[in-house]
Amino acid sequence: MRLIIFIGAIWLATMNLASAQPAYCRLKGPVFVESDPAKVQFRVFIEESDAFADLLVFKTANALFADEPGLWFFTKNRAQADFSIQFVAERSLADFSIHYIETESFAGCQTSR
């Protein structure tokens, strides 16, 4: 009986670690750049360096290729987007920061934080 409780506790701890990941680490797919602050889901700051960015983003040429976290397809149609962002000029106003990369395989959340 104690073994079952112990295994259950380990499983719950593992599930809590997975859910502790920030929401922006799961962002993928079509994104719409919103101009209306009332409709935006995330405020994003663009970092000059990948070392300081929370998320490394690769811009895909097709929405079908944006199937992993950090792979974004920018759409001009709000209805086609999975989420919306607004770019901000100051890091302190952002929900998270991104850096655009040229290598698709490096896209995703910075786990070293």
PDB file of N, CA and C in Angstrom:
ATOM      1  N   MET A   1       0.827  -1.202   0.000  1.00  0.00           N
ATOM      2  CA  MET A   1       0.000   0.000   0.000  1.00  0.00           C
ATOM      3  C   MET A   1       0.868   1.261   0.000  1.00  0.00           C
ATOM      4  N   ARG A   2       1.924   1.238   0.800  1.00  0.00           N
ATOM      5  CA  ARG A   2       2.816   2.412   0.857  1.00  0.00           C
ATOM      6  C   ARG A   2       3.512   2.642  -0.474  1.00  0.00           C
ATOM      7  N   LEU A   3       3.819   1.547  -1.161  1.00  0.00           N
ATOM      8  CA  LEU A   3       4.465   1.675  -2.468  1.00  0.00           C
ATOM      9  C   LEU A   3       3.548   2.372  -3.462  1.00  0.00           C
ATOM     10  N   ILE A   4       2.288   2.046  -3.431  1.00  0.00           N
ATOM     11  CA  ILE A   4       1.314   2.684  -4.328  1.00  0.00           C
ATOM     12  C   ILE A   4       1.194   4.172  -4.010  1.00  0.00           C
ATOM     13  N   ILE A   5       1.171   4.512  -2.747  1.00  0.00           N
ATOM     14  CA  ILE A   5       1.089   5.923  -2.349  1.00  0.00           C
ATOM     15  C   ILE A   5       2.351   6.660  -2.778  1.00  0.00           C
ATOM     16  N   PHE A   6       3.515   6.026  -2.611  1.00  0.00           N
ATOM     17  CA  PHE A   6       4.785   6.627  -2.999  1.00  0.00           C
ATOM     18  C   PHE A   6       4.833   6.874  -4.508  1.00  0.00           C
ATOM     19  N   ILE A   7       4.427   5.882  -5.295  1.00  0.00           N
ATOM     20  CA  ILE A   7       4.411   6.029  -6.756  1.00  0.00           C
ATOM     21  C   ILE A   7       3.425   7.122  -7.168  1.00  0.00           C
ATOM     22  N   GLY A   8       2.283   7.177  -6.500  1.00  0.00           N
ATOM     23  CA  GLY A   8       1.307   8.236  -6.785  1.00  0.00           C
ATOM     24  C   GLY A   8       1.860   9.618  -6.486  1.00  0.00           C
ATOM     25  N   ALA A   9       2.605   9.743  -5.395  1.00  0.00           N
ATOM     26  CA  ALA A   9       3.208  11.037  -5.035  1.00  0.00           C
ATOM     27  C   ALA A   9       4.253  11.456  -6.054  1.00  0.00           C
ATOM     28  N   ILE A  10       5.056  10.506  -6.532  1.00  0.00           N
ATOM     29  CA  ILE A  10       6.057  10.816  -7.560  1.00  0.00           C
ATOM     30  C   ILE A  10       5.374  11.254  -8.852  1.00  0.00           C
ATOM     31  N   TRP A  11       4.304  10.569  -9.228  1.00  0.00           N
ATOM     32  CA  TRP A  11       3.578  10.929 -10.439  1.00  0.00           C
ATOM     33  C   TRP A  11       2.996  12.332 -10.331  1.00  0.00           C
ATOM     34  N   LEU A  12       2.404  12.665  -9.179  1.00  0.00           N
ATOM     35  CA  LEU A  12       1.848  14.008  -8.983  1.00  0.00           C
ATOM     36  C   LEU A  12       2.934  15.068  -9.033  1.00  0.00           C
ATOM     37  N   ALA A  13       4.086  14.796  -8.442  1.00  0.00           N
ATOM     38  CA  ALA A  13       5.193  15.753  -8.478  1.00  0.00           C
ATOM     39  C   ALA A  13       5.662  15.971  -9.906  1.00  0.00           C
ATOM     40  N   THR A  14       5.725  14.916 -10.697  1.00  0.00           N
ATOM     41  CA  THR A  14       6.116  15.032 -12.098  1.00  0.00           C
ATOM     42  C   THR A  14       5.109  15.866 -12.874  1.00  0.00           C
ATOM     43  N   MET A  15       3.839  15.656 -12.638  1.00  0.00           N
ATOM     44  CA  MET A  15       2.794  16.424 -13.320  1.00  0.00           C
ATOM     45  C   MET A  15       2.869  17.898 -12.931  1.00  0.00           C
ATOM     46  N   ASN A  16       3.175  18.204 -11.682  1.00  0.00           N
ATOM     47  CA  ASN A  16       3.288  19.594 -11.248  1.00  0.00           C
ATOM     48  C   ASN A  16       4.472  20.278 -11.903  1.00  0.00           C
ATOM     49  N   LEU A  17       5.577  19.574 -12.106  1.00  0.00           N
ATOM     50  CA  LEU A  17       6.731  20.161 -12.775  1.00  0.00           C
ATOM     51  C   LEU A  17       6.408  20.483 -14.228  1.00  0.00           C
ATOM     52  N   ALA A  18       5.674  19.613 -14.886  1.00  0.00           N
ATOM     53  CA  ALA A  18       5.310  19.850 -16.284  1.00  0.00           C
ATOM     54  C   ALA A  18       4.384  21.047 -16.412  1.00  0.00           C
ATOM     55  N   SER A  19       3.469  21.214 -15.461  1.00  0.00           N
ATOM     56  CA  SER A  19       2.542  22.332 -15.537  1.00  0.00           C
ATOM     57  C   SER A  19       3.166  23.633 -15.040  1.00  0.00           C
ATOM     58  N   ALA A  20       4.339  23.548 -14.417  1.00  0.00           N
ATOM     59  CA  ALA A  20       5.009  24.741 -13.924  1.00  0.00           C
ATOM     60  C   ALA A  20       5.641  25.546 -15.062  1.00  0.00           C
ATOM     61  N   GLN A  21       5.698  24.963 -16.234  1.00  0.00           N
ATOM     62  CA  GLN A  21       6.252  25.647 -17.390  1.00  0.00           C
ATOM     63  C   GLN A  21       5.359  26.830 -17.747  1.00  0.00           C
ATOM     64  N   PRO A  22       5.959  28.000 -18.007  1.00  0.00           N
ATOM     65  CA  PRO A  22       5.143  29.172 -18.367  1.00  0.00           C
ATOM     66  C   PRO A  22       4.317  28.935 -19.632  1.00  0.00           C
ATOM     67  N   ALA A  23       3.209  29.622 -19.726  1.00  0.00           N
ATOM     68  CA  ALA A  23       2.300  29.464 -20.870  1.00  0.00           C
ATOM     69  C   ALA A  23       2.981  29.805 -22.192  1.00  0.00           C
ATOM     70  N   TYR A  24       3.863  30.792 -22.186  1.00  0.00           N
ATOM     71  CA  TYR A  24       4.499  31.185 -23.440  1.00  0.00           C
ATOM     72  C   TYR A  24       5.407  30.085 -23.987  1.00  0.00           C
ATOM     73  N   CYS A  25       5.820  29.147 -23.157  1.00  0.00           N
ATOM     74  CA  CYS A  25       6.673  28.048 -23.624  1.00  0.00           C
ATOM     75  C   CYS A  25       5.917  27.066 -24.510  1.00  0.00           C
ATOM     76  N   ARG A  26       4.609  27.138 -24.526  1.00  0.00           N
ATOM     77  CA  ARG A  26       3.803  26.237 -25.342  1.00  0.00           C
ATOM     78  C   ARG A  26       3.246  26.915 -26.601  1.00  0.00           C
ATOM     79  N   LEU A  27       3.582  28.183 -26.819  1.00  0.00           N
ATOM     80  CA  LEU A  27       3.015  28.917 -27.955  1.00  0.00           C
ATOM     81  C   LEU A  27       3.606  28.441 -29.277  1.00  0.00           C
ATOM     82  N   LYS A  28       2.696  28.083 -30.179  1.00  0.00           N
ATOM     83  CA  LYS A  28       3.069  27.641 -31.521  1.00  0.00           C
ATOM     84  C   LYS A  28       1.907  27.924 -32.454  1.00  0.00           C
ATOM     85  N   GLY A  29       2.177  27.887 -33.734  1.00  0.00           N
ATOM     86  CA  GLY A  29       1.105  28.030 -34.713  1.00  0.00           C
ATOM     87  C   GLY A  29       0.928  29.443 -35.226  1.00  0.00           C
ATOM     88  N   PRO A  30      -0.232  29.683 -35.847  1.00  0.00           N
ATOM     89  CA  PRO A  30      -0.514  31.006 -36.407  1.00  0.00           C
ATOM     90  C   PRO A  30      -0.688  32.061 -35.313  1.00  0.00           C
ATOM     91  N   VAL A  31      -0.060  33.199 -35.512  1.00  0.00           N
ATOM     92  CA  VAL A  31      -0.129  34.295 -34.554  1.00  0.00           C
ATOM     93  C   VAL A  31      -0.552  35.570 -35.281  1.00  0.00           C
ATOM     94  N   PHE A  32      -1.361  36.361 -34.602  1.00  0.00           N
ATOM     95  CA  PHE A  32      -1.824  37.635 -35.158  1.00  0.00           C
ATOM     96  C   PHE A  32      -1.250  38.754 -34.313  1.00  0.00           C
ATOM     97  N   VAL A  33      -0.670  39.745 -34.966  1.00  0.00           N
ATOM     98  CA  VAL A  33      -0.140  40.914 -34.259  1.00  0.00           C
ATOM     99  C   VAL A  33      -1.281  41.907 -34.111  1.00  0.00           C
ATOM    100  N   GLU A  34      -1.728  42.059 -32.889  1.00  0.00           N
ATOM    101  CA  GLU A  34      -2.901  42.871 -32.560  1.00  0.00           C
ATOM    102  C   GLU A  34      -2.486  44.314 -32.266  1.00  0.00           C
ATOM    103  N   SER A  35      -3.299  45.255 -32.723  1.00  0.00           N
ATOM    104  CA  SER A  35      -3.037  46.665 -32.439  1.00  0.00           C
ATOM    105  C   SER A  35      -3.900  47.181 -31.282  1.00  0.00           C
ATOM    106  N   ASP A  36      -5.009  46.516 -31.021  1.00  0.00           N
ATOM    107  CA  ASP A  36      -5.914  46.918 -29.944  1.00  0.00           C
ATOM    108  C   ASP A  36      -5.478  46.260 -28.634  1.00  0.00           C
ATOM    109  N   PRO A  37      -5.021  47.043 -27.649  1.00  0.00           N
ATOM    110  CA  PRO A  37      -4.556  46.467 -26.380  1.00  0.00           C
ATOM    111  C   PRO A  37      -5.630  45.669 -25.630  1.00  0.00           C
ATOM    112  N   ALA A  38      -6.893  45.957 -25.861  1.00  0.00           N
ATOM    113  CA  ALA A  38      -7.968  45.248 -25.164  1.00  0.00           C
ATOM    114  C   ALA A  38      -8.155  43.824 -25.691  1.00  0.00           C
ATOM    115  N   LYS A  39      -7.685  43.552 -26.898  1.00  0.00           N
ATOM    116  CA  LYS A  39      -7.886  42.241 -27.504  1.00  0.00           C
ATOM    117  C   LYS A  39      -6.645  41.347 -27.466  1.00  0.00           C
ATOM    118  N   VAL A  40      -5.543  41.870 -27.019  1.00  0.00           N
ATOM    119  CA  VAL A  40      -4.283  41.133 -27.068  1.00  0.00           C
ATOM    120  C   VAL A  40      -4.210  40.081 -25.957  1.00  0.00           C
ATOM    121  N   GLN A  41      -3.605  38.944 -26.274  1.00  0.00           N
ATOM    122  CA  GLN A  41      -3.429  37.888 -25.276  1.00  0.00           C
ATOM    123  C   GLN A  41      -2.071  37.996 -24.582  1.00  0.00           C
ATOM    124  N   PHE A  42      -1.030  38.351 -25.345  1.00  0.00           N
ATOM    125  CA  PHE A  42       0.314  38.449 -24.793  1.00  0.00           C
ATOM    126  C   PHE A  42       0.998  39.725 -25.288  1.00  0.00           C
ATOM    127  N   ARG A  43       1.704  40.375 -24.388  1.00  0.00           N
ATOM    128  CA  ARG A  43       2.548  41.512 -24.743  1.00  0.00           C
ATOM    129  C   ARG A  43       3.986  40.984 -24.836  1.00  0.00           C
ATOM    130  N   VAL A  44       4.654  41.293 -25.955  1.00  0.00           N
ATOM    131  CA  VAL A  44       5.948  40.682 -26.260  1.00  0.00           C
ATOM    132  C   VAL A  44       6.997  41.750 -26.518  1.00  0.00           C
ATOM    133  N   PHE A  45       8.173  41.520 -25.959  1.00  0.00           N
ATOM    134  CA  PHE A  45       9.325  42.388 -26.197  1.00  0.00           C
ATOM    135  C   PHE A  45      10.325  41.615 -27.048  1.00  0.00           C
ATOM    136  N   ILE A  46      10.879  42.259 -28.072  1.00  0.00           N
ATOM    137  CA  ILE A  46      11.870  41.617 -28.936  1.00  0.00           C
ATOM    138  C   ILE A  46      13.261  41.922 -28.401  1.00  0.00           C
ATOM    139  N   GLU A  47      13.963  40.887 -28.009  1.00  0.00           N
ATOM    140  CA  GLU A  47      15.332  41.008 -27.496  1.00  0.00           C
ATOM    141  C   GLU A  47      16.327  41.051 -28.652  1.00  0.00           C
ATOM    142  N   GLU A  48      17.382  41.816 -28.469  1.00  0.00           N
ATOM    143  CA  GLU A  48      18.450  41.889 -29.471  1.00  0.00           C
ATOM    144  C   GLU A  48      19.298  40.617 -29.467  1.00  0.00           C
ATOM    145  N   SER A  49      19.414  39.996 -28.296  1.00  0.00           N
ATOM    146  CA  SER A  49      20.266  38.827 -28.144  1.00  0.00           C
ATOM    147  C   SER A  49      19.445  37.622 -27.704  1.00  0.00           C
ATOM    148  N   ASP A  50      19.808  36.463 -28.192  1.00  0.00           N
ATOM    149  CA  ASP A  50      19.100  35.255 -27.787  1.00  0.00           C
ATOM    150  C   ASP A  50      19.384  34.887 -26.331  1.00  0.00           C
ATOM    151  N   ALA A  51      20.479  35.371 -25.790  1.00  0.00           N
ATOM    152  CA  ALA A  51      20.851  35.042 -24.413  1.00  0.00           C
ATOM    153  C   ALA A  51      19.856  35.583 -23.385  1.00  0.00           C
ATOM    154  N   PHE A  52      19.166  36.660 -23.704  1.00  0.00           N
ATOM    155  CA  PHE A  52      18.255  37.288 -22.749  1.00  0.00           C
ATOM    156  C   PHE A  52      16.781  37.021 -23.053  1.00  0.00           C
ATOM    157  N   ALA A  53      16.489  36.329 -24.139  1.00  0.00           N
ATOM    158  CA  ALA A  53      15.106  36.070 -24.541  1.00  0.00           C
ATOM    159  C   ALA A  53      14.519  34.891 -23.767  1.00  0.00           C
ATOM    160  N   ASP A  54      13.229  34.986 -23.481  1.00  0.00           N
ATOM    161  CA  ASP A  54      12.519  33.886 -22.835  1.00  0.00           C
ATOM    162  C   ASP A  54      12.187  32.781 -23.834  1.00  0.00           C
ATOM    163  N   LEU A  55      11.918  33.189 -25.082  1.00  0.00           N
ATOM    164  CA  LEU A  55      11.494  32.254 -26.112  1.00  0.00           C
ATOM    165  C   LEU A  55      12.222  32.557 -27.412  1.00  0.00           C
ATOM    166  N   LEU A  56      12.766  31.528 -28.042  1.00  0.00           N
ATOM    167  CA  LEU A  56      13.394  31.682 -29.347  1.00  0.00           C
ATOM    168  C   LEU A  56      12.353  31.321 -30.400  1.00  0.00           C
ATOM    169  N   VAL A  57      12.117  32.242 -31.332  1.00  0.00           N
ATOM    170  CA  VAL A  57      11.040  32.091 -32.314  1.00  0.00           C
ATOM    171  C   VAL A  57      11.616  31.956 -33.715  1.00  0.00           C
ATOM    172  N   PHE A  58      11.104  30.968 -34.419  1.00  0.00           N
ATOM    173  CA  PHE A  58      11.422  30.783 -35.829  1.00  0.00           C
ATOM    174  C   PHE A  58      10.161  31.072 -36.627  1.00  0.00           C
ATOM    175  N   LYS A  59      10.259  31.985 -37.586  1.00  0.00           N
ATOM    176  CA  LYS A  59       9.111  32.328 -38.431  1.00  0.00           C
ATOM    177  C   LYS A  59       8.996  31.300 -39.548  1.00  0.00           C
ATOM    178  N   THR A  60       7.863  30.602 -39.598  1.00  0.00           N
ATOM    179  CA  THR A  60       7.641  29.620 -40.649  1.00  0.00           C
ATOM    180  C   THR A  60       6.944  30.266 -41.843  1.00  0.00           C
ATOM    181  N   ALA A  61       7.106  29.645 -42.991  1.00  0.00           N
ATOM    182  CA  ALA A  61       6.505  30.164 -44.210  1.00  0.00           C
ATOM    183  C   ALA A  61       5.070  29.688 -44.400  1.00  0.00           C
ATOM    184  N   ASN A  62       4.655  28.701 -43.599  1.00  0.00           N
ATOM    185  CA  ASN A  62       3.332  28.112 -43.751  1.00  0.00           C
ATOM    186  C   ASN A  62       2.809  27.748 -42.360  1.00  0.00           C
ATOM    187  N   ALA A  63       1.535  27.948 -42.121  1.00  0.00           N
ATOM    188  CA  ALA A  63       0.942  27.650 -40.819  1.00  0.00           C
ATOM    189  C   ALA A  63       1.055  26.172 -40.460  1.00  0.00           C
ATOM    190  N   LEU A  64       1.067  25.305 -41.460  1.00  0.00           N
ATOM    191  CA  LEU A  64       1.168  23.870 -41.200  1.00  0.00           C
ATOM    192  C   LEU A  64       2.520  23.477 -40.613  1.00  0.00           C
ATOM    193  N   PHE A  65       3.541  24.273 -40.853  1.00  0.00           N
ATOM    194  CA  PHE A  65       4.871  23.967 -40.330  1.00  0.00           C
ATOM    195  C   PHE A  65       5.083  24.500 -38.916  1.00  0.00           C
ATOM    196  N   ALA A  66       4.161  25.296 -38.428  1.00  0.00           N
ATOM    197  CA  ALA A  66       4.271  25.873 -37.082  1.00  0.00           C
ATOM    198  C   ALA A  66       3.618  24.939 -36.072  1.00  0.00           C
ATOM    199  N   ASP A  67       4.203  23.764 -35.915  1.00  0.00           N
ATOM    200  CA  ASP A  67       3.589  22.718 -35.107  1.00  0.00           C
ATOM    201  C   ASP A  67       4.353  22.374 -33.829  1.00  0.00           C
ATOM    202  N   GLU A  68       5.362  23.151 -33.490  1.00  0.00           N
ATOM    203  CA  GLU A  68       6.141  22.946 -32.265  1.00  0.00           C
ATOM    204  C   GLU A  68       6.295  24.285 -31.549  1.00  0.00           C
ATOM    205  N   PRO A  69       6.473  24.267 -30.232  1.00  0.00           N
ATOM    206  CA  PRO A  69       6.666  25.527 -29.503  1.00  0.00           C
ATOM    207  C   PRO A  69       7.820  26.347 -30.078  1.00  0.00           C
ATOM    208  N   GLY A  70       7.567  27.626 -30.276  1.00  0.00           N
ATOM    209  CA  GLY A  70       8.561  28.530 -30.843  1.00  0.00           C
ATOM    210  C   GLY A  70       8.491  28.657 -32.348  1.00  0.00           C
ATOM    211  N   LEU A  71       7.706  27.815 -33.003  1.00  0.00           N
ATOM    212  CA  LEU A  71       7.504  27.921 -34.447  1.00  0.00           C
ATOM    213  C   LEU A  71       6.226  28.697 -34.674  1.00  0.00           C
ATOM    214  N   TRP A  72       6.374  29.903 -35.227  1.00  0.00           N
ATOM    215  CA  TRP A  72       5.236  30.800 -35.408  1.00  0.00           C
ATOM    216  C   TRP A  72       5.048  31.115 -36.879  1.00  0.00           C
ATOM    217  N   PHE A  73       3.783  31.209 -37.256  1.00  0.00           N
ATOM    218  CA  PHE A  73       3.407  31.691 -38.578  1.00  0.00           C
ATOM    219  C   PHE A  73       2.590  32.965 -38.374  1.00  0.00           C
ATOM    220  N   PHE A  74       3.087  34.074 -38.878  1.00  0.00           N
ATOM    221  CA  PHE A  74       2.393  35.351 -38.718  1.00  0.00           C
ATOM    222  C   PHE A  74       1.318  35.486 -39.789  1.00  0.00           C
ATOM    223  N   THR A  75       0.074  35.620 -39.332  1.00  0.00           N
ATOM    224  CA  THR A  75      -1.056  35.748 -40.239  1.00  0.00           C
ATOM    225  C   THR A  75      -1.632  37.155 -40.149  1.00  0.00           C
ATOM    226  N   LYS A  76      -2.243  37.601 -41.227  1.00  0.00           N
ATOM    227  CA  LYS A  76      -2.874  38.921 -41.240  1.00  0.00           C
ATOM    228  C   LYS A  76      -4.360  38.825 -40.937  1.00  0.00           C
ATOM    229  N   ASN A  77      -4.840  37.612 -40.708  1.00  0.00           N
ATOM    230  CA  ASN A  77      -6.250  37.378 -40.431  1.00  0.00           C
ATOM    231  C   ASN A  77      -6.408  36.905 -38.985  1.00  0.00           C
ATOM    232  N   ARG A  78      -7.057  37.708 -38.162  1.00  0.00           N
ATOM    233  CA  ARG A  78      -7.246  37.393 -36.748  1.00  0.00           C
ATOM    234  C   ARG A  78      -7.951  36.055 -36.545  1.00  0.00           C
ATOM    235  N   ALA A  79      -8.911  35.737 -37.415  1.00  0.00           N
ATOM    236  CA  ALA A  79      -9.688  34.505 -37.279  1.00  0.00           C
ATOM    237  C   ALA A  79      -8.847  33.250 -37.505  1.00  0.00           C
ATOM    238  N   GLN A  80      -7.754  33.354 -38.216  1.00  0.00           N
ATOM    239  CA  GLN A  80      -6.897  32.203 -38.479  1.00  0.00           C
ATOM    240  C   GLN A  80      -5.847  31.976 -37.398  1.00  0.00           C
ATOM    241  N   ALA A  81      -5.709  32.909 -36.464  1.00  0.00           N
ATOM    242  CA  ALA A  81      -4.649  32.831 -35.458  1.00  0.00           C
ATOM    243  C   ALA A  81      -5.055  31.980 -34.259  1.00  0.00           C
ATOM    244  N   ASP A  82      -4.074  31.295 -33.695  1.00  0.00           N
ATOM    245  CA  ASP A  82      -4.273  30.542 -32.459  1.00  0.00           C
ATOM    246  C   ASP A  82      -4.139  31.449 -31.239  1.00  0.00           C
ATOM    247  N   PHE A  83      -3.360  32.523 -31.383  1.00  0.00           N
ATOM    248  CA  PHE A  83      -3.177  33.498 -30.303  1.00  0.00           C
ATOM    249  C   PHE A  83      -2.774  34.834 -30.902  1.00  0.00           C
ATOM    250  N   SER A  84      -2.890  35.876 -30.090  1.00  0.00           N
ATOM    251  CA  SER A  84      -2.533  37.217 -30.560  1.00  0.00           C
ATOM    252  C   SER A  84      -1.488  37.817 -29.638  1.00  0.00           C
ATOM    253  N   ILE A  85      -0.647  38.650 -30.233  1.00  0.00           N
ATOM    254  CA  ILE A  85       0.396  39.335 -29.469  1.00  0.00           C
ATOM    255  C   ILE A  85       0.392  40.811 -29.821  1.00  0.00           C
ATOM    256  N   GLN A  86       1.026  41.569 -28.975  1.00  0.00           N
ATOM    257  CA  GLN A  86       1.285  42.980 -29.254  1.00  0.00           C
ATOM    258  C   GLN A  86       2.725  43.232 -28.867  1.00  0.00           C
ATOM    259  N   PHE A  87       3.472  43.880 -29.736  1.00  0.00           N
ATOM    260  CA  PHE A  87       4.860  44.195 -29.439  1.00  0.00           C
ATOM    261  C   PHE A  87       4.923  45.458 -28.590  1.00  0.00           C
ATOM    262  N   VAL A  88       5.765  45.440 -27.560  1.00  0.00           N
ATOM    263  CA  VAL A  88       5.944  46.589 -26.678  1.00  0.00           C
ATOM    264  C   VAL A  88       7.391  47.054 -26.750  1.00  0.00           C
ATOM    265  N   ALA A  89       7.604  48.324 -26.467  1.00  0.00           N
ATOM    266  CA  ALA A  89       8.930  48.919 -26.583  1.00  0.00           C
ATOM    267  C   ALA A  89       9.791  48.735 -25.333  1.00  0.00           C
ATOM    268  N   GLU A  90       9.167  48.418 -24.210  1.00  0.00           N
ATOM    269  CA  GLU A  90       9.919  48.261 -22.962  1.00  0.00           C
ATOM    270  C   GLU A  90       9.741  46.861 -22.399  1.00  0.00           C
ATOM    271  N   ARG A  91      10.830  46.279 -21.965  1.00  0.00           N
ATOM    272  CA  ARG A  91      10.811  44.909 -21.417  1.00  0.00           C
ATOM    273  C   ARG A  91       9.892  44.808 -20.203  1.00  0.00           C
ATOM    274  N   SER A  92       9.847  45.843 -19.401  1.00  0.00           N
ATOM    275  CA  SER A  92       9.043  45.806 -18.172  1.00  0.00           C
ATOM    276  C   SER A  92       7.540  45.733 -18.446  1.00  0.00           C
ATOM    277  N   LEU A  93       7.113  46.075 -19.642  1.00  0.00           N
ATOM    278  CA  LEU A  93       5.696  46.028 -20.000  1.00  0.00           C
ATOM    279  C   LEU A  93       5.288  44.707 -20.638  1.00  0.00           C
ATOM    280  N   ALA A  94       6.257  43.835 -20.900  1.00  0.00           N
ATOM    281  CA  ALA A  94       5.999  42.600 -21.635  1.00  0.00           C
ATOM    282  C   ALA A  94       5.683  41.435 -20.710  1.00  0.00           C
ATOM    283  N   ASP A  95       4.903  40.502 -21.237  1.00  0.00           N
ATOM    284  CA  ASP A  95       4.648  39.240 -20.546  1.00  0.00           C
ATOM    285  C   ASP A  95       5.848  38.311 -20.683  1.00  0.00           C
ATOM    286  N   PHE A  96       6.512  38.392 -21.822  1.00  0.00           N
ATOM    287  CA  PHE A  96       7.724  37.624 -22.069  1.00  0.00           C
ATOM    288  C   PHE A  96       8.471  38.249 -23.239  1.00  0.00           C
ATOM    289  N   SER A  97       9.701  37.798 -23.450  1.00  0.00           N
ATOM    290  CA  SER A  97      10.513  38.331 -24.542  1.00  0.00           C
ATOM    291  C   SER A  97      10.854  37.225 -25.526  1.00  0.00           C
ATOM    292  N   ILE A  98      11.077  37.646 -26.778  1.00  0.00           N
ATOM    293  CA  ILE A  98      11.439  36.698 -27.824  1.00  0.00           C
ATOM    294  C   ILE A  98      12.692  37.183 -28.542  1.00  0.00           C
ATOM    295  N   HIS A  99      13.293  36.266 -29.255  1.00  0.00           N
ATOM    296  CA  HIS A  99      14.389  36.589 -30.161  1.00  0.00           C
ATOM    297  C   HIS A  99      14.166  35.739 -31.402  1.00  0.00           C
ATOM    298  N   TYR A 100      14.199  36.361 -32.569  1.00  0.00           N
ATOM    299  CA  TYR A 100      14.026  35.628 -33.817  1.00  0.00           C
ATOM    300  C   TYR A 100      15.316  34.903 -34.168  1.00  0.00           C
ATOM    301  N   ILE A 101      15.180  33.649 -34.557  1.00  0.00           N
ATOM    302  CA  ILE A 101      16.339  32.852 -34.931  1.00  0.00           C
ATOM    303  C   ILE A 101      16.187  32.362 -36.363  1.00  0.00           C
ATOM    304  N   GLU A 102      17.294  31.928 -36.945  1.00  0.00           N
ATOM    305  CA  GLU A 102      17.291  31.468 -38.329  1.00  0.00           C
ATOM    306  C   GLU A 102      17.349  29.957 -38.453  1.00  0.00           C
ATOM    307  N   THR A 103      17.501  29.262 -37.336  1.00  0.00           N
ATOM    308  CA  THR A 103      17.575  27.802 -37.340  1.00  0.00           C
ATOM    309  C   THR A 103      16.361  27.235 -36.628  1.00  0.00           C
ATOM    310  N   GLU A 104      15.529  26.521 -37.357  1.00  0.00           N
ATOM    311  CA  GLU A 104      14.269  26.013 -36.831  1.00  0.00           C
ATOM    312  C   GLU A 104      14.453  25.104 -35.613  1.00  0.00           C
ATOM    313  N   SER A 105      15.474  24.303 -35.606  1.00  0.00           N
ATOM    314  CA  SER A 105      15.664  23.331 -34.535  1.00  0.00           C
ATOM    315  C   SER A 105      15.987  23.971 -33.184  1.00  0.00           C
ATOM    316  N   PHE A 106      16.399  25.226 -33.160  1.00  0.00           N
ATOM    317  CA  PHE A 106      16.705  25.910 -31.898  1.00  0.00           C
ATOM    318  C   PHE A 106      15.494  26.626 -31.304  1.00  0.00           C
ATOM    319  N   ALA A 107      14.381  26.618 -31.997  1.00  0.00           N
ATOM    320  CA  ALA A 107      13.182  27.324 -31.523  1.00  0.00           C
ATOM    321  C   ALA A 107      12.651  26.684 -30.255  1.00  0.00           C
ATOM    322  N   GLY A 108      12.115  27.529 -29.391  1.00  0.00           N
ATOM    323  CA  GLY A 108      11.495  27.036 -28.175  1.00  0.00           C
ATOM    324  C   GLY A 108      11.886  27.847 -26.968  1.00  0.00           C
ATOM    325  N   CYS A 109      11.454  27.360 -25.837  1.00  0.00           N
ATOM    326  CA  CYS A 109      11.655  28.054 -24.572  1.00  0.00           C
ATOM    327  C   CYS A 109      13.111  27.928 -24.114  1.00  0.00           C
ATOM    328  N   GLN A 110      13.607  28.973 -23.499  1.00  0.00           N
ATOM    329  CA  GLN A 110      14.927  28.945 -22.899  1.00  0.00           C
ATOM    330  C   GLN A 110      14.803  28.239 -21.558  1.00  0.00           C
ATOM    331  N   THR A 111      15.337  27.064 -21.426  1.00  0.00           N
ATOM    332  CA  THR A 111      15.172  26.263 -20.221  1.00  0.00           C
ATOM    333  C   THR A 111      16.219  26.551 -19.162  1.00  0.00           C
ATOM    334  N   SER A 112      17.205  27.351 -19.472  1.00  0.00           N
ATOM    335  CA  SER A 112      18.281  27.604 -18.513  1.00  0.00           C
ATOM    336  C   SER A 112      17.908  28.630 -17.456  1.00  0.00           C
ATOM    337  N   ARG A 113      16.671  29.108 -17.430  1.00  0.00           N
ATOM    338  CA  ARG A 113      16.254  30.121 -16.455  1.00  0.00           C
ATOM    339  C   ARG A 113      15.752  29.506 -15.203  1.00  0.00           C
TER     340      ARG A 113
END
